[in-house]
Amino acid sequence: MHAAIAINRTWISFSLMKGTSVWDKFGQKLTWLLPLIPLIVLSPRFGGTVKVYYTANKDISGMYNEPFVKAQLSFLLRLQILL
């Protein structure tokens, strides 16, 4: 959800710009690739299977069975903490 909002804001701001510098043109072309970034990040999850269970507090939680999905999620979590 947050990625969609950020992409929408960037898309609108770059579509309103009519700059002629190299960076403005580069930003406008890069904006077309922004919707693909969440799909690239989420793509390993599409092939993964989730084991769903209840926690002690009666909350639903899930865990991926495949190690490649776990590795990708741990990498993204570390990257998110650094940023």
N, C-alpha and C. Protein backbone atom coordinates (compact mmCIF):
# COMPACT_ATOMS: atom_id res chain seq x y z
N MET A 1 0.81 -1.18 0.00
CA MET A 1 0.00 0.00 0.00
C MET A 1 0.87 1.26 0.00
N HIS A 2 1.89 1.25 0.85
CA HIS A 2 2.77 2.42 0.92
C HIS A 2 3.54 2.62 -0.38
N ALA A 3 3.93 1.50 -0.99
CA ALA A 3 4.65 1.61 -2.27
C ALA A 3 3.75 2.22 -3.34
N ALA A 4 2.48 1.83 -3.36
CA ALA A 4 1.55 2.37 -4.35
C ALA A 4 1.35 3.87 -4.16
N ILE A 5 1.25 4.31 -2.92
CA ILE A 5 1.09 5.74 -2.64
C ILE A 5 2.33 6.51 -3.05
N ALA A 6 3.51 5.98 -2.73
CA ALA A 6 4.76 6.65 -3.10
C ALA A 6 4.92 6.73 -4.62
N ILE A 7 4.57 5.66 -5.30
CA ILE A 7 4.67 5.65 -6.76
C ILE A 7 3.69 6.65 -7.36
N ASN A 8 2.49 6.72 -6.81
CA ASN A 8 1.50 7.66 -7.31
C ASN A 8 1.97 9.10 -7.13
N ARG A 9 2.53 9.43 -5.98
CA ARG A 9 3.02 10.79 -5.76
C ARG A 9 4.17 11.13 -6.69
N THR A 10 5.08 10.20 -6.88
CA THR A 10 6.21 10.44 -7.78
C THR A 10 5.72 10.59 -9.21
N TRP A 11 4.79 9.72 -9.60
CA TRP A 11 4.24 9.76 -10.96
C TRP A 11 3.61 11.13 -11.24
N ILE A 12 2.83 11.62 -10.31
CA ILE A 12 2.16 12.91 -10.50
C ILE A 12 3.18 14.05 -10.56
N SER A 13 4.16 14.03 -9.67
CA SER A 13 5.12 15.14 -9.65
C SER A 13 5.97 15.17 -10.92
N PHE A 14 6.39 14.01 -11.40
CA PHE A 14 7.19 14.01 -12.63
C PHE A 14 6.34 14.26 -13.87
N SER A 15 5.06 13.90 -13.83
CA SER A 15 4.22 14.16 -15.00
C SER A 15 3.90 15.66 -15.12
N LEU A 16 3.93 16.37 -14.01
CA LEU A 16 3.67 17.81 -14.06
C LEU A 16 4.89 18.62 -14.47
N MET A 17 6.07 18.01 -14.38
CA MET A 17 7.30 18.72 -14.74
C MET A 17 7.50 18.69 -16.25
N LYS A 18 7.92 19.79 -16.79
CA LYS A 18 8.21 19.88 -18.22
C LYS A 18 9.64 20.37 -18.40
N GLY A 19 10.56 19.79 -17.63
CA GLY A 19 11.95 20.22 -17.68
C GLY A 19 12.66 19.77 -18.94
N THR A 20 13.75 20.43 -19.24
CA THR A 20 14.51 20.11 -20.44
C THR A 20 15.91 19.62 -20.12
N SER A 21 16.29 19.61 -18.84
CA SER A 21 17.64 19.15 -18.51
C SER A 21 17.71 17.63 -18.62
N VAL A 22 18.90 17.13 -18.57
CA VAL A 22 19.12 15.68 -18.70
C VAL A 22 18.48 14.95 -17.52
N TRP A 23 18.60 15.49 -16.32
CA TRP A 23 18.04 14.85 -15.13
C TRP A 23 16.52 14.83 -15.17
N ASP A 24 15.91 15.88 -15.68
CA ASP A 24 14.45 15.91 -15.78
C ASP A 24 13.95 14.84 -16.75
N LYS A 25 14.62 14.72 -17.88
CA LYS A 25 14.23 13.70 -18.86
C LYS A 25 14.48 12.30 -18.32
N PHE A 26 15.59 12.12 -17.60
CA PHE A 26 15.89 10.82 -17.00
C PHE A 26 14.83 10.46 -15.95
N GLY A 27 14.44 11.43 -15.13
CA GLY A 27 13.41 11.18 -14.12
C GLY A 27 12.07 10.85 -14.73
N GLN A 28 11.73 11.50 -15.82
CA GLN A 28 10.46 11.22 -16.47
C GLN A 28 10.46 9.81 -17.07
N LYS A 29 11.58 9.36 -17.61
CA LYS A 29 11.66 8.01 -18.16
C LYS A 29 11.69 6.97 -17.05
N LEU A 30 12.37 7.30 -15.95
CA LEU A 30 12.44 6.37 -14.83
C LEU A 30 11.09 6.18 -14.16
N THR A 31 10.25 7.17 -14.24
CA THR A 31 8.91 7.09 -13.65
C THR A 31 8.10 5.95 -14.27
N TRP A 32 8.34 5.66 -15.52
CA TRP A 32 7.61 4.58 -16.18
C TRP A 32 8.00 3.21 -15.61
N LEU A 33 9.17 3.11 -15.00
CA LEU A 33 9.61 1.84 -14.42
C LEU A 33 9.15 1.67 -12.97
N LEU A 34 8.72 2.73 -12.32
CA LEU A 34 8.35 2.65 -10.91
C LEU A 34 7.27 1.61 -10.60
N PRO A 35 6.22 1.47 -11.40
CA PRO A 35 5.22 0.44 -11.06
C PRO A 35 5.77 -0.98 -11.10
N LEU A 36 6.89 -1.19 -11.76
CA LEU A 36 7.45 -2.54 -11.84
C LEU A 36 8.25 -2.92 -10.60
N ILE A 37 8.71 -1.94 -9.83
CA ILE A 37 9.56 -2.23 -8.67
C ILE A 37 8.85 -3.10 -7.63
N PRO A 38 7.61 -2.81 -7.22
CA PRO A 38 6.95 -3.71 -6.26
C PRO A 38 6.76 -5.12 -6.80
N LEU A 39 6.50 -5.25 -8.10
CA LEU A 39 6.35 -6.59 -8.67
C LEU A 39 7.66 -7.37 -8.62
N ILE A 40 8.77 -6.68 -8.85
CA ILE A 40 10.08 -7.34 -8.78
C ILE A 40 10.37 -7.77 -7.35
N VAL A 41 10.05 -6.92 -6.40
CA VAL A 41 10.31 -7.24 -4.99
C VAL A 41 9.41 -8.38 -4.52
N LEU A 42 8.16 -8.39 -4.95
CA LEU A 42 7.21 -9.40 -4.50
C LEU A 42 7.25 -10.69 -5.31
N SER A 43 7.98 -10.74 -6.41
CA SER A 43 7.93 -11.89 -7.30
C SER A 43 8.32 -13.21 -6.63
N PRO A 44 9.30 -13.31 -5.74
CA PRO A 44 9.56 -14.61 -5.09
C PRO A 44 8.40 -15.08 -4.22
N ARG A 45 7.60 -14.17 -3.73
CA ARG A 45 6.47 -14.57 -2.87
C ARG A 45 5.37 -15.24 -3.67
N PHE A 46 5.27 -14.98 -4.96
CA PHE A 46 4.21 -15.57 -5.76
C PHE A 46 4.35 -17.09 -5.83
N GLY A 47 5.58 -17.59 -5.83
CA GLY A 47 5.80 -19.03 -5.91
C GLY A 47 5.89 -19.70 -4.56
N GLY A 48 5.85 -18.94 -3.49
CA GLY A 48 6.00 -19.51 -2.17
C GLY A 48 4.68 -19.95 -1.56
N THR A 49 4.77 -20.92 -0.67
CA THR A 49 3.60 -21.36 0.07
C THR A 49 3.76 -20.93 1.53
N VAL A 50 2.67 -20.55 2.13
CA VAL A 50 2.68 -20.02 3.48
C VAL A 50 2.01 -21.01 4.43
N LYS A 51 2.66 -21.25 5.54
CA LYS A 51 2.05 -22.03 6.61
C LYS A 51 1.45 -21.04 7.60
N VAL A 52 0.13 -21.07 7.75
CA VAL A 52 -0.58 -20.12 8.60
C VAL A 52 -0.88 -20.80 9.93
N TYR A 53 -0.66 -20.07 11.01
CA TYR A 53 -0.92 -20.61 12.34
C TYR A 53 -1.36 -19.48 13.26
N TYR A 54 -1.91 -19.85 14.40
CA TYR A 54 -2.34 -18.89 15.42
C TYR A 54 -1.24 -18.74 16.47
N THR A 55 -1.00 -17.52 16.89
CA THR A 55 -0.03 -17.27 17.95
C THR A 55 -0.72 -17.45 19.31
N ALA A 56 0.04 -17.25 20.38
CA ALA A 56 -0.51 -17.39 21.72
C ALA A 56 -1.58 -16.34 22.01
N ASN A 57 -1.51 -15.21 21.33
CA ASN A 57 -2.49 -14.12 21.51
C ASN A 57 -3.69 -14.24 20.58
N LYS A 58 -3.83 -15.40 19.92
CA LYS A 58 -4.93 -15.64 18.97
C LYS A 58 -4.84 -14.76 17.73
N ASP A 59 -3.62 -14.36 17.35
CA ASP A 59 -3.40 -13.62 16.12
C ASP A 59 -2.99 -14.60 15.02
N ILE A 60 -3.36 -14.29 13.80
CA ILE A 60 -2.96 -15.13 12.68
C ILE A 60 -1.59 -14.67 12.21
N SER A 61 -0.71 -15.63 12.01
CA SER A 61 0.63 -15.34 11.53
C SER A 61 0.97 -16.34 10.44
N GLY A 62 1.91 -15.98 9.60
CA GLY A 62 2.30 -16.87 8.52
C GLY A 62 3.79 -16.97 8.37
N MET A 63 4.23 -18.12 7.83
CA MET A 63 5.65 -18.34 7.62
C MET A 63 5.82 -19.07 6.28
N TYR A 64 6.75 -18.60 5.47
CA TYR A 64 6.99 -19.23 4.18
C TYR A 64 7.78 -20.52 4.36
N ASN A 65 7.44 -21.53 3.57
CA ASN A 65 8.12 -22.81 3.64
C ASN A 65 9.41 -22.84 2.84
N GLU A 66 9.48 -22.08 1.76
CA GLU A 66 10.63 -22.12 0.86
C GLU A 66 11.77 -21.27 1.40
N PRO A 67 13.00 -21.80 1.36
CA PRO A 67 14.14 -21.02 1.89
C PRO A 67 14.48 -19.79 1.05
N PHE A 68 14.23 -19.82 -0.27
CA PHE A 68 14.57 -18.66 -1.10
C PHE A 68 13.68 -17.47 -0.77
N VAL A 69 12.43 -17.73 -0.39
CA VAL A 69 11.54 -16.63 -0.01
C VAL A 69 11.96 -16.07 1.34
N LYS A 70 12.34 -16.95 2.27
CA LYS A 70 12.80 -16.50 3.58
C LYS A 70 14.06 -15.64 3.44
N ALA A 71 14.97 -16.06 2.56
CA ALA A 71 16.20 -15.29 2.37
C ALA A 71 15.90 -13.92 1.77
N GLN A 72 14.99 -13.86 0.82
CA GLN A 72 14.65 -12.59 0.20
C GLN A 72 13.97 -11.66 1.20
N LEU A 73 13.09 -12.20 2.02
CA LEU A 73 12.40 -11.37 3.01
C LEU A 73 13.35 -10.86 4.08
N SER A 74 14.32 -11.69 4.49
CA SER A 74 15.28 -11.22 5.50
C SER A 74 16.19 -10.15 4.91
N PHE A 75 16.55 -10.28 3.62
CA PHE A 75 17.35 -9.24 2.97
C PHE A 75 16.59 -7.93 2.90
N LEU A 76 15.31 -7.98 2.51
CA LEU A 76 14.50 -6.76 2.42
C LEU A 76 14.29 -6.13 3.78
N LEU A 77 14.14 -6.94 4.82
CA LEU A 77 14.00 -6.39 6.16
C LEU A 77 15.25 -5.67 6.60
N ARG A 78 16.42 -6.25 6.33
CA ARG A 78 17.68 -5.57 6.66
C ARG A 78 17.84 -4.29 5.88
N LEU A 79 17.48 -4.32 4.60
CA LEU A 79 17.57 -3.12 3.77
C LEU A 79 16.64 -2.05 4.28
N GLN A 80 15.45 -2.43 4.71
CA GLN A 80 14.48 -1.46 5.22
C GLN A 80 14.98 -0.84 6.53
N ILE A 81 15.63 -1.63 7.37
CA ILE A 81 16.16 -1.10 8.63
C ILE A 81 17.28 -0.11 8.35
N LEU A 82 18.12 -0.40 7.36
CA LEU A 82 19.23 0.51 7.04
C LEU A 82 18.74 1.84 6.48
N LEU A 83 17.65 1.79 5.72
CA LEU A 83 17.15 3.03 5.12
C LEU A 83 16.35 3.79 6.14
